[in-house]
Amino acid sequence: MVLLHFSILALLSLPLLNVLAEDTTTDEDTEVPLQSPNLAVTVTTSFPDSEVFGVKLINGYPTKALLSFFNQEPESINVVYVGGSLWGPAGPGVEQERIIRNLTATRYSIQIPAGEKESVSYSFATELHPQDLKLRLFAMVTSDMGTAYTVQAFNETVSIVEPDASFFDPQLIFLYLFLLAGFGGTCYFIYNTWITTLFPQKARGGKGGDRAKRSTTGSKKVDPSDQVSVLGADGPAVTSGAKAYDESWIPAHHIQRPEAKRVKSGARPKSRGKPE
């Protein structure tokens, strides 16, 4: 509980230490190791992935900071927390600064013996509009007696930039596919709703009366030579196409047609006289 109490007091005293550090710093572009007046510990911060022209914080990508501690105390110290914040002007034309965004603090449990050096890696990410802000990093260390100290590790201006757009970025590829699918669906809906009504549709065969007309006109006549007589047990039968009937029960005078009698041209028909 005592260590927690001192930690809270140290965090509350961070703005005061930042103001004192600004007053004692003469050139912001020169990297000067910052040192606490109550603790002989030197902290220098470097950014391995930074460019020559300055530190740039890329939105959406983690920024790696490397904090190097040099313990000049006669006793060992413990690195407990590393955190920071981004500061900017309080308003247009105002020199007073305010906190724009607090960075996530990372907890450590690293012991640095007396006269030794140790490096600590600290990563953070930003999601802000491109602008120039002041980055302030601090480290909280404790002595063997449990006393907590806040040591400023970095206090310089950085640039927040957007990542370079790449055509092979998975997020951009998914966005392109989604927009293409939405555009194709919209065009298909417009075509089926309005475009198809402007053009007359051709009637398809095999529907309604067309099918009946086609079936009647396309029927073939049965050739008499194709008729096949079938001799069954009851008598001969004649099949015509798919129909068959038995002639055994039909009388003969109905089947055999009477022959027409030939009449001579010079002969006169007999007249029937009336009886006297």
C-alpha atoms as a PDB file:
ATOM      1  CA  MET A   1       0.000   0.000   0.000  1.00  0.00           C
ATOM      2  CA  VAL A   2       2.884   2.364   0.735  1.00  0.00           C
ATOM      3  CA  LEU A   3       4.407   1.697  -2.698  1.00  0.00           C
ATOM      4  CA  LEU A   4       1.036   2.334  -4.377  1.00  0.00           C
ATOM      5  CA  HIS A   5       0.661   5.599  -2.473  1.00  0.00           C
ATOM      6  CA  PHE A   6       4.081   6.797  -3.621  1.00  0.00           C
ATOM      7  CA  SER A   7       3.284   5.722  -7.193  1.00  0.00           C
ATOM      8  CA  ILE A   8       0.136   7.825  -7.273  1.00  0.00           C
ATOM      9  CA  LEU A   9       2.032  10.824  -5.897  1.00  0.00           C
ATOM     10  CA  ALA A  10       4.713  10.359  -8.537  1.00  0.00           C
ATOM     11  CA  LEU A  11       2.152  10.281 -11.351  1.00  0.00           C
ATOM     12  CA  LEU A  12       0.501  13.441 -10.031  1.00  0.00           C
ATOM     13  CA  SER A  13       3.862  15.184  -9.959  1.00  0.00           C
ATOM     14  CA  LEU A  14       4.575  14.365 -13.630  1.00  0.00           C
ATOM     15  CA  PRO A  15       3.169  17.659 -15.074  1.00  0.00           C
ATOM     16  CA  LEU A  16       5.366  19.633 -12.675  1.00  0.00           C
ATOM     17  CA  LEU A  17       8.446  17.704 -13.722  1.00  0.00           C
ATOM     18  CA  ASN A  18       7.555  18.250 -17.385  1.00  0.00           C
ATOM     19  CA  VAL A  19       7.379  22.014 -16.849  1.00  0.00           C
ATOM     20  CA  LEU A  20      10.728  22.008 -15.066  1.00  0.00           C
ATOM     21  CA  ALA A  21      12.272  19.963 -17.846  1.00  0.00           C
ATOM     22  CA  GLU A  22      10.990  22.434 -20.484  1.00  0.00           C
ATOM     23  CA  ASP A  23      12.514  25.336 -18.584  1.00  0.00           C
ATOM     24  CA  THR A  24      15.927  23.664 -18.331  1.00  0.00           C
ATOM     25  CA  THR A  25      15.988  22.467 -21.982  1.00  0.00           C
ATOM     26  CA  THR A  26      17.552  25.014 -24.326  1.00  0.00           C
ATOM     27  CA  ASP A  27      17.388  23.154 -27.651  1.00  0.00           C
ATOM     28  CA  GLU A  28      14.632  20.671 -28.450  1.00  0.00           C
ATOM     29  CA  ASP A  29      16.380  19.313 -31.533  1.00  0.00           C
ATOM     30  CA  THR A  30      19.401  18.161 -29.531  1.00  0.00           C
ATOM     31  CA  GLU A  31      18.924  14.849 -27.743  1.00  0.00           C
ATOM     32  CA  VAL A  32      19.989  15.573 -24.155  1.00  0.00           C
ATOM     33  CA  PRO A  33      19.696  12.827 -21.526  1.00  0.00           C
ATOM     34  CA  LEU A  34      17.152  13.902 -18.902  1.00  0.00           C
ATOM     35  CA  GLN A  35      17.998  13.315 -15.259  1.00  0.00           C
ATOM     36  CA  SER A  36      15.917  13.495 -12.102  1.00  0.00           C
ATOM     37  CA  PRO A  37      17.350  15.898  -9.475  1.00  0.00           C
ATOM     38  CA  ASN A  38      16.613  13.384  -6.706  1.00  0.00           C
ATOM     39  CA  LEU A  39      17.924  10.269  -8.436  1.00  0.00           C
ATOM     40  CA  ALA A  40      21.197   9.676 -10.268  1.00  0.00           C
ATOM     41  CA  VAL A  41      19.598   7.775 -13.137  1.00  0.00           C
ATOM     42  CA  THR A  42      20.034   8.764 -16.764  1.00  0.00           C
ATOM     43  CA  VAL A  43      17.483   7.745 -19.424  1.00  0.00           C
ATOM     44  CA  THR A  44      17.992   8.168 -23.161  1.00  0.00           C
ATOM     45  CA  THR A  45      15.317   7.255 -25.729  1.00  0.00           C
ATOM     46  CA  SER A  46      15.807   6.234 -29.340  1.00  0.00           C
ATOM     47  CA  PHE A  47      13.469   5.046 -32.083  1.00  0.00           C
ATOM     48  CA  PRO A  48      15.031   2.238 -34.161  1.00  0.00           C
ATOM     49  CA  ASP A  49      12.444   2.535 -36.960  1.00  0.00           C
ATOM     50  CA  SER A  50      12.557   6.324 -37.254  1.00  0.00           C
ATOM     51  CA  GLU A  51      13.856   8.178 -40.276  1.00  0.00           C
ATOM     52  CA  VAL A  52      16.736  10.585 -40.522  1.00  0.00           C
ATOM     53  CA  PHE A  53      14.446  13.608 -40.844  1.00  0.00           C
ATOM     54  CA  GLY A  54      12.675  13.007 -37.546  1.00  0.00           C
ATOM     55  CA  VAL A  55      10.403  10.713 -35.596  1.00  0.00           C
ATOM     56  CA  LYS A  56       7.161   9.866 -37.361  1.00  0.00           C
ATOM     57  CA  LEU A  57       4.239   8.126 -35.708  1.00  0.00           C
ATOM     58  CA  ILE A  58       2.278   6.141 -38.318  1.00  0.00           C
ATOM     59  CA  ASN A  59      -1.424   5.806 -37.577  1.00  0.00           C
ATOM     60  CA  GLY A  60      -2.527   2.233 -37.004  1.00  0.00           C
ATOM     61  CA  TYR A  61       1.007   0.875 -36.677  1.00  0.00           C
ATOM     62  CA  PRO A  62       2.922   0.401 -33.408  1.00  0.00           C
ATOM     63  CA  THR A  63       5.841   2.709 -32.752  1.00  0.00           C
ATOM     64  CA  LYS A  64       8.789   1.156 -30.924  1.00  0.00           C
ATOM     65  CA  ALA A  65      10.821   3.228 -28.477  1.00  0.00           C
ATOM     66  CA  LEU A  66      13.996   1.950 -26.848  1.00  0.00           C
ATOM     67  CA  LEU A  67      14.705   3.387 -23.380  1.00  0.00           C
ATOM     68  CA  SER A  68      18.286   2.997 -22.108  1.00  0.00           C
ATOM     69  CA  PHE A  69      18.741   3.332 -18.316  1.00  0.00           C
ATOM     70  CA  PHE A  70      22.062   4.093 -16.682  1.00  0.00           C
ATOM     71  CA  ASN A  71      21.992   3.613 -12.909  1.00  0.00           C
ATOM     72  CA  GLN A  72      24.567   5.810 -11.175  1.00  0.00           C
ATOM     73  CA  GLU A  73      23.107   5.248  -7.725  1.00  0.00           C
ATOM     74  CA  PRO A  74      25.038   3.300  -5.080  1.00  0.00           C
ATOM     75  CA  GLU A  75      22.100   0.892  -4.875  1.00  0.00           C
ATOM     76  CA  SER A  76      19.989  -0.937  -7.410  1.00  0.00           C
ATOM     77  CA  ILE A  77      16.749   0.424  -8.830  1.00  0.00           C
ATOM     78  CA  ASN A  78      13.615  -1.179 -10.282  1.00  0.00           C
ATOM     79  CA  VAL A  79      11.818  -0.063 -13.446  1.00  0.00           C
ATOM     80  CA  VAL A  80       8.079  -0.268 -12.679  1.00  0.00           C
ATOM     81  CA  TYR A  81       6.170   1.651 -15.395  1.00  0.00           C
ATOM     82  CA  VAL A  82       6.806   3.343 -18.723  1.00  0.00           C
ATOM     83  CA  GLY A  83       4.178   5.630 -20.219  1.00  0.00           C
ATOM     84  CA  GLY A  84       3.702   8.911 -21.994  1.00  0.00           C
ATOM     85  CA  SER A  85       1.378  11.422 -23.608  1.00  0.00           C
ATOM     86  CA  LEU A  86       1.018  13.639 -26.662  1.00  0.00           C
ATOM     87  CA  TRP A  87       0.809  17.377 -26.118  1.00  0.00           C
ATOM     88  CA  GLY A  88      -0.399  20.127 -28.401  1.00  0.00           C
ATOM     89  CA  PRO A  89      -1.405  23.803 -28.275  1.00  0.00           C
ATOM     90  CA  ALA A  90      -4.504  24.568 -26.250  1.00  0.00           C
ATOM     91  CA  GLY A  91      -5.900  26.645 -29.100  1.00  0.00           C
ATOM     92  CA  PRO A  92      -4.984  28.614 -32.189  1.00  0.00           C
ATOM     93  CA  GLY A  93      -2.443  31.265 -31.338  1.00  0.00           C
ATOM     94  CA  VAL A  94      -2.114  30.004 -27.724  1.00  0.00           C
ATOM     95  CA  GLU A  95       1.308  29.047 -26.424  1.00  0.00           C
ATOM     96  CA  GLN A  96      -0.071  27.038 -23.525  1.00  0.00           C
ATOM     97  CA  GLU A  97      -0.109  23.295 -24.163  1.00  0.00           C
ATOM     98  CA  ARG A  98      -2.619  20.648 -23.251  1.00  0.00           C
ATOM     99  CA  ILE A  99      -2.746  16.853 -23.371  1.00  0.00           C
ATOM    100  CA  ILE A 100      -4.091  15.596 -26.706  1.00  0.00           C
ATOM    101  CA  ARG A 101      -3.834  11.871 -26.044  1.00  0.00           C
ATOM    102  CA  ASN A 102      -2.537   9.724 -23.180  1.00  0.00           C
ATOM    103  CA  LEU A 103      -0.516   6.695 -24.222  1.00  0.00           C
ATOM    104  CA  THR A 104      -0.937   3.259 -22.718  1.00  0.00           C
ATOM    105  CA  ALA A 105       1.374   2.645 -19.786  1.00  0.00           C
ATOM    106  CA  THR A 106       3.275  -0.638 -19.736  1.00  0.00           C
ATOM    107  CA  ARG A 107       4.247  -2.344 -16.505  1.00  0.00           C
ATOM    108  CA  TYR A 108       7.740  -3.800 -16.015  1.00  0.00           C
ATOM    109  CA  SER A 109       9.652  -5.538 -13.273  1.00  0.00           C
ATOM    110  CA  ILE A 110      13.287  -4.988 -14.246  1.00  0.00           C
ATOM    111  CA  GLN A 111      16.045  -4.539 -11.664  1.00  0.00           C
ATOM    112  CA  ILE A 112      19.120  -2.521 -12.618  1.00  0.00           C
ATOM    113  CA  PRO A 113      22.141  -2.962 -10.320  1.00  0.00           C
ATOM    114  CA  ALA A 114      24.300  -0.010  -9.258  1.00  0.00           C
ATOM    115  CA  GLY A 115      26.533   1.260 -12.068  1.00  0.00           C
ATOM    116  CA  GLU A 116      24.860  -0.923 -14.702  1.00  0.00           C
ATOM    117  CA  LYS A 117      22.939  -0.137 -17.900  1.00  0.00           C
ATOM    118  CA  GLU A 118      19.717  -1.720 -19.087  1.00  0.00           C
ATOM    119  CA  SER A 119      17.451  -1.163 -22.127  1.00  0.00           C
ATOM    120  CA  VAL A 120      13.661  -1.380 -22.081  1.00  0.00           C
ATOM    121  CA  SER A 121      11.425  -1.589 -25.156  1.00  0.00           C
ATOM    122  CA  TYR A 122       8.186   0.378 -25.135  1.00  0.00           C
ATOM    123  CA  SER A 123       5.592   0.249 -27.948  1.00  0.00           C
ATOM    124  CA  PHE A 124       2.499   2.391 -28.516  1.00  0.00           C
ATOM    125  CA  ALA A 125       0.116   3.237 -31.352  1.00  0.00           C
ATOM    126  CA  THR A 126      -1.778   6.357 -32.391  1.00  0.00           C
ATOM    127  CA  GLU A 127      -4.962   7.168 -34.329  1.00  0.00           C
ATOM    128  CA  LEU A 128      -4.951  10.932 -34.850  1.00  0.00           C
ATOM    129  CA  HIS A 129      -5.123  13.455 -37.656  1.00  0.00           C
ATOM    130  CA  PRO A 130      -1.784  14.186 -39.325  1.00  0.00           C
ATOM    131  CA  GLN A 131      -0.124  16.926 -37.324  1.00  0.00           C
ATOM    132  CA  ASP A 132       2.956  17.787 -35.298  1.00  0.00           C
ATOM    133  CA  LEU A 133       2.725  17.142 -31.560  1.00  0.00           C
ATOM    134  CA  LYS A 134       5.116  16.942 -28.666  1.00  0.00           C
ATOM    135  CA  LEU A 135       5.789  13.441 -27.367  1.00  0.00           C
ATOM    136  CA  ARG A 136       6.656  13.099 -23.692  1.00  0.00           C
ATOM    137  CA  LEU A 137       7.712   9.746 -22.274  1.00  0.00           C
ATOM    138  CA  PHE A 138       8.401   9.049 -18.623  1.00  0.00           C
ATOM    139  CA  ALA A 139       9.548   6.100 -16.551  1.00  0.00           C
ATOM    140  CA  MET A 140       8.698   5.292 -12.963  1.00  0.00           C
ATOM    141  CA  VAL A 141      11.488   3.656 -10.967  1.00  0.00           C
ATOM    142  CA  THR A 142      11.747   2.651  -7.323  1.00  0.00           C
ATOM    143  CA  SER A 143      14.724   2.285  -5.031  1.00  0.00           C
ATOM    144  CA  ASP A 144      15.446  -0.615  -2.712  1.00  0.00           C
ATOM    145  CA  MET A 145      13.806   1.360   0.092  1.00  0.00           C
ATOM    146  CA  GLY A 146      10.536   1.548  -1.890  1.00  0.00           C
ATOM    147  CA  THR A 147      10.782   5.216  -2.835  1.00  0.00           C
ATOM    148  CA  ALA A 148       9.196   5.976  -6.210  1.00  0.00           C
ATOM    149  CA  TYR A 149      10.694   8.417  -8.710  1.00  0.00           C
ATOM    150  CA  THR A 150       9.469   9.714 -12.043  1.00  0.00           C
ATOM    151  CA  VAL A 151      12.162  10.135 -14.669  1.00  0.00           C
ATOM    152  CA  GLN A 152      11.458  11.890 -17.944  1.00  0.00           C
ATOM    153  CA  ALA A 153      12.734   9.894 -20.890  1.00  0.00           C
ATOM    154  CA  PHE A 154      11.723  11.878 -23.992  1.00  0.00           C
ATOM    155  CA  ASN A 155      10.377  15.357 -24.728  1.00  0.00           C
ATOM    156  CA  GLU A 156      10.515  16.308 -28.398  1.00  0.00           C
ATOM    157  CA  THR A 157       8.241  17.145 -31.330  1.00  0.00           C
ATOM    158  CA  VAL A 158       7.103  14.252 -33.531  1.00  0.00           C
ATOM    159  CA  SER A 159       4.998  14.048 -36.697  1.00  0.00           C
ATOM    160  CA  ILE A 160       1.845  11.963 -36.973  1.00  0.00           C
ATOM    161  CA  VAL A 161       1.368  10.701 -40.529  1.00  0.00           C
ATOM    162  CA  GLU A 162      -0.930   8.333 -42.404  1.00  0.00           C
ATOM    163  CA  PRO A 163       0.422   5.000 -43.710  1.00  0.00           C
ATOM    164  CA  ASP A 164       1.423   4.724 -47.345  1.00  0.00           C
ATOM    165  CA  ALA A 165      -1.364   3.237 -49.425  1.00  0.00           C
ATOM    166  CA  SER A 166      -0.526  -0.035 -51.175  1.00  0.00           C
ATOM    167  CA  PHE A 167      -2.600  -1.815 -53.805  1.00  0.00           C
ATOM    168  CA  PHE A 168      -1.842  -5.190 -52.198  1.00  0.00           C
ATOM    169  CA  ASP A 169      -3.100  -4.124 -48.788  1.00  0.00           C
ATOM    170  CA  PRO A 170      -5.644  -6.777 -47.604  1.00  0.00           C
ATOM    171  CA  GLN A 171      -7.962  -4.105 -46.241  1.00  0.00           C
ATOM    172  CA  LEU A 172      -7.997  -2.213 -49.541  1.00  0.00           C
ATOM    173  CA  ILE A 173      -8.513  -5.429 -51.525  1.00  0.00           C
ATOM    174  CA  PHE A 174     -11.511  -6.364 -49.358  1.00  0.00           C
ATOM    175  CA  LEU A 175     -12.877  -2.825 -49.755  1.00  0.00           C
ATOM    176  CA  TYR A 176     -12.535  -3.012 -53.548  1.00  0.00           C
ATOM    177  CA  LEU A 177     -14.314  -6.384 -53.673  1.00  0.00           C
ATOM    178  CA  PHE A 178     -17.128  -5.127 -51.454  1.00  0.00           C
ATOM    179  CA  LEU A 179     -17.661  -2.018 -53.570  1.00  0.00           C
ATOM    180  CA  LEU A 180     -17.536  -4.062 -56.785  1.00  0.00           C
ATOM    181  CA  ALA A 181     -20.135  -6.531 -55.489  1.00  0.00           C
ATOM    182  CA  GLY A 182     -22.403  -3.694 -54.391  1.00  0.00           C
ATOM    183  CA  PHE A 183     -22.088  -1.964 -57.770  1.00  0.00           C
ATOM    184  CA  GLY A 184     -22.828  -5.199 -59.654  1.00  0.00           C
ATOM    185  CA  GLY A 185     -25.906  -5.927 -57.539  1.00  0.00           C
ATOM    186  CA  THR A 186     -27.220  -2.407 -58.088  1.00  0.00           C
ATOM    187  CA  CYS A 187     -26.767  -2.664 -61.865  1.00  0.00           C
ATOM    188  CA  TYR A 188     -28.512  -6.059 -61.934  1.00  0.00           C
ATOM    189  CA  PHE A 189     -31.467  -4.698 -59.968  1.00  0.00           C
ATOM    190  CA  ILE A 190     -31.806  -1.668 -62.260  1.00  0.00           C
ATOM    191  CA  TYR A 191     -31.614  -3.866 -65.377  1.00  0.00           C
ATOM    192  CA  ASN A 192     -34.342  -6.275 -64.204  1.00  0.00           C
ATOM    193  CA  THR A 193     -36.572  -3.486 -62.892  1.00  0.00           C
ATOM    194  CA  TRP A 194     -36.493  -0.867 -65.657  1.00  0.00           C
ATOM    195  CA  ILE A 195     -34.364  -1.913 -68.630  1.00  0.00           C
ATOM    196  CA  THR A 196     -36.095  -5.228 -69.419  1.00  0.00           C
ATOM    197  CA  THR A 197     -39.520  -3.535 -69.559  1.00  0.00           C
ATOM    198  CA  LEU A 198     -38.392  -1.337 -72.452  1.00  0.00           C
ATOM    199  CA  PHE A 199     -37.730  -4.265 -74.816  1.00  0.00           C
ATOM    200  CA  PRO A 200     -40.505  -6.673 -75.980  1.00  0.00           C
ATOM    201  CA  GLN A 201     -39.942 -10.256 -75.019  1.00  0.00           C
ATOM    202  CA  LYS A 202     -40.078 -12.984 -77.671  1.00  0.00           C
ATOM    203  CA  ALA A 203     -42.843 -15.588 -77.246  1.00  0.00           C
ATOM    204  CA  ARG A 204     -41.462 -18.966 -76.387  1.00  0.00           C
ATOM    205  CA  GLY A 205     -42.801 -22.073 -78.208  1.00  0.00           C
ATOM    206  CA  GLY A 206     -44.657 -24.841 -76.441  1.00  0.00           C
ATOM    207  CA  LYS A 207     -47.117 -22.708 -74.472  1.00  0.00           C
ATOM    208  CA  GLY A 208     -50.872 -22.274 -74.788  1.00  0.00           C
ATOM    209  CA  GLY A 209     -52.556 -22.458 -78.183  1.00  0.00           C
ATOM    210  CA  ASP A 210     -49.282 -22.548 -80.125  1.00  0.00           C
ATOM    211  CA  ARG A 211     -48.564 -25.989 -78.770  1.00  0.00           C
ATOM    212  CA  ALA A 212     -52.060 -27.240 -79.758  1.00  0.00           C
ATOM    213  CA  LYS A 213     -51.756 -25.814 -83.276  1.00  0.00           C
ATOM    214  CA  ARG A 214     -48.337 -27.314 -83.710  1.00  0.00           C
ATOM    215  CA  SER A 215     -49.584 -30.723 -82.556  1.00  0.00           C
ATOM    216  CA  THR A 216     -52.558 -30.718 -84.972  1.00  0.00           C
ATOM    217  CA  THR A 217     -50.675 -29.483 -88.010  1.00  0.00           C
ATOM    218  CA  GLY A 218     -47.753 -31.763 -87.403  1.00  0.00           C
ATOM    219  CA  SER A 219     -49.736 -35.034 -87.345  1.00  0.00           C
ATOM    220  CA  LYS A 220     -48.905 -37.508 -90.116  1.00  0.00           C
ATOM    221  CA  LYS A 221     -51.480 -39.302 -92.269  1.00  0.00           C
ATOM    222  CA  VAL A 222     -51.503 -43.076 -92.153  1.00  0.00           C
ATOM    223  CA  ASP A 223     -50.581 -44.761 -95.419  1.00  0.00           C
ATOM    224  CA  PRO A 224     -52.829 -47.776 -96.275  1.00  0.00           C
ATOM    225  CA  SER A 225     -49.740 -49.737 -97.265  1.00  0.00           C
ATOM    226  CA  ASP A 226     -48.479 -49.379 -93.731  1.00  0.00           C
ATOM    227  CA  GLN A 227     -51.539 -51.152 -92.322  1.00  0.00           C
ATOM    228  CA  VAL A 228     -50.768 -54.598 -91.019  1.00  0.00           C
ATOM    229  CA  SER A 229     -53.346 -57.337 -90.734  1.00  0.00           C
ATOM    230  CA  VAL A 230     -53.191 -59.447 -87.641  1.00  0.00           C
ATOM    231  CA  LEU A 231     -54.633 -62.939 -87.563  1.00  0.00           C
ATOM    232  CA  GLY A 232     -55.917 -63.830 -84.174  1.00  0.00           C
ATOM    233  CA  ALA A 233     -57.886 -66.670 -82.678  1.00  0.00           C
ATOM    234  CA  ASP A 234     -61.216 -65.000 -83.393  1.00  0.00           C
ATOM    235  CA  GLY A 235     -60.386 -64.040 -86.950  1.00  0.00           C
ATOM    236  CA  PRO A 236     -58.393 -61.563 -88.913  1.00  0.00           C
ATOM    237  CA  ALA A 237     -57.879 -58.102 -87.535  1.00  0.00           C
ATOM    238  CA  VAL A 238     -56.511 -55.013 -89.205  1.00  0.00           C
ATOM    239  CA  THR A 239     -54.339 -52.547 -87.416  1.00  0.00           C
ATOM    240  CA  SER A 240     -54.011 -49.013 -88.603  1.00  0.00           C
ATOM    241  CA  GLY A 241     -51.403 -47.145 -86.726  1.00  0.00           C
ATOM    242  CA  ALA A 242     -52.079 -47.634 -83.057  1.00  0.00           C
ATOM    243  CA  LYS A 243     -55.727 -48.832 -83.493  1.00  0.00           C
ATOM    244  CA  ALA A 244     -56.837 -52.486 -83.976  1.00  0.00           C
ATOM    245  CA  TYR A 245     -60.306 -54.090 -84.296  1.00  0.00           C
ATOM    246  CA  ASP A 246     -61.705 -57.585 -84.966  1.00  0.00           C
ATOM    247  CA  GLU A 247     -63.766 -58.155 -88.148  1.00  0.00           C
ATOM    248  CA  SER A 248     -65.153 -61.583 -87.190  1.00  0.00           C
ATOM    249  CA  TRP A 249     -68.290 -60.170 -85.650  1.00  0.00           C
ATOM    250  CA  ILE A 250     -69.059 -57.783 -88.566  1.00  0.00           C
ATOM    251  CA  PRO A 251     -71.602 -59.203 -91.125  1.00  0.00           C
ATOM    252  CA  ALA A 252     -70.179 -60.061 -94.528  1.00  0.00           C
ATOM    253  CA  HIS A 253     -72.524 -57.790 -96.501  1.00  0.00           C
ATOM    254  CA  HIS A 254     -71.203 -54.872 -94.489  1.00  0.00           C
ATOM    255  CA  ILE A 255     -67.626 -55.721 -95.236  1.00  0.00           C
ATOM    256  CA  GLN A 256     -68.068 -56.618 -98.957  1.00  0.00           C
ATOM    257  CA  ARG A 257     -69.275 -53.713-100.968  1.00  0.00           C
ATOM    258  CA  PRO A 258     -71.770 -54.516-103.796  1.00  0.00           C
ATOM    259  CA  GLU A 259     -70.384 -54.219-107.296  1.00  0.00           C
ATOM    260  CA  ALA A 260     -72.068 -51.711-109.597  1.00  0.00           C
ATOM    261  CA  LYS A 261     -73.874 -53.221-112.622  1.00  0.00           C
ATOM    262  CA  ARG A 262     -72.796 -52.087-116.044  1.00  0.00           C
ATOM    263  CA  VAL A 263     -75.557 -50.770-118.329  1.00  0.00           C
ATOM    264  CA  LYS A 264     -75.259 -50.766-122.158  1.00  0.00           C
ATOM    265  CA  SER A 265     -75.540 -47.432-123.798  1.00  0.00           C
ATOM    266  CA  GLY A 266     -77.964 -48.562-126.637  1.00  0.00           C
ATOM    267  CA  ALA A 267     -80.360 -50.469-124.485  1.00  0.00           C
ATOM    268  CA  ARG A 268     -83.449 -48.849-123.250  1.00  0.00           C
ATOM    269  CA  PRO A 269     -84.808 -49.609-119.926  1.00  0.00           C
ATOM    270  CA  LYS A 270     -88.014 -51.584-119.844  1.00  0.00           C
ATOM    271  CA  SER A 271     -91.018 -49.519-119.189  1.00  0.00           C
ATOM    272  CA  ARG A 272     -93.553 -50.835-116.877  1.00  0.00           C
ATOM    273  CA  GLY A 273     -96.964 -50.701-118.475  1.00  0.00           C
ATOM    274  CA  LYS A 274    -100.040 -50.050-116.603  1.00  0.00           C
ATOM    275  CA  PRO A 275    -102.524 -52.917-116.431  1.00  0.00           C
ATOM    276  CA  GLU A 276    -105.618 -52.446-118.486  1.00  0.00           C
END
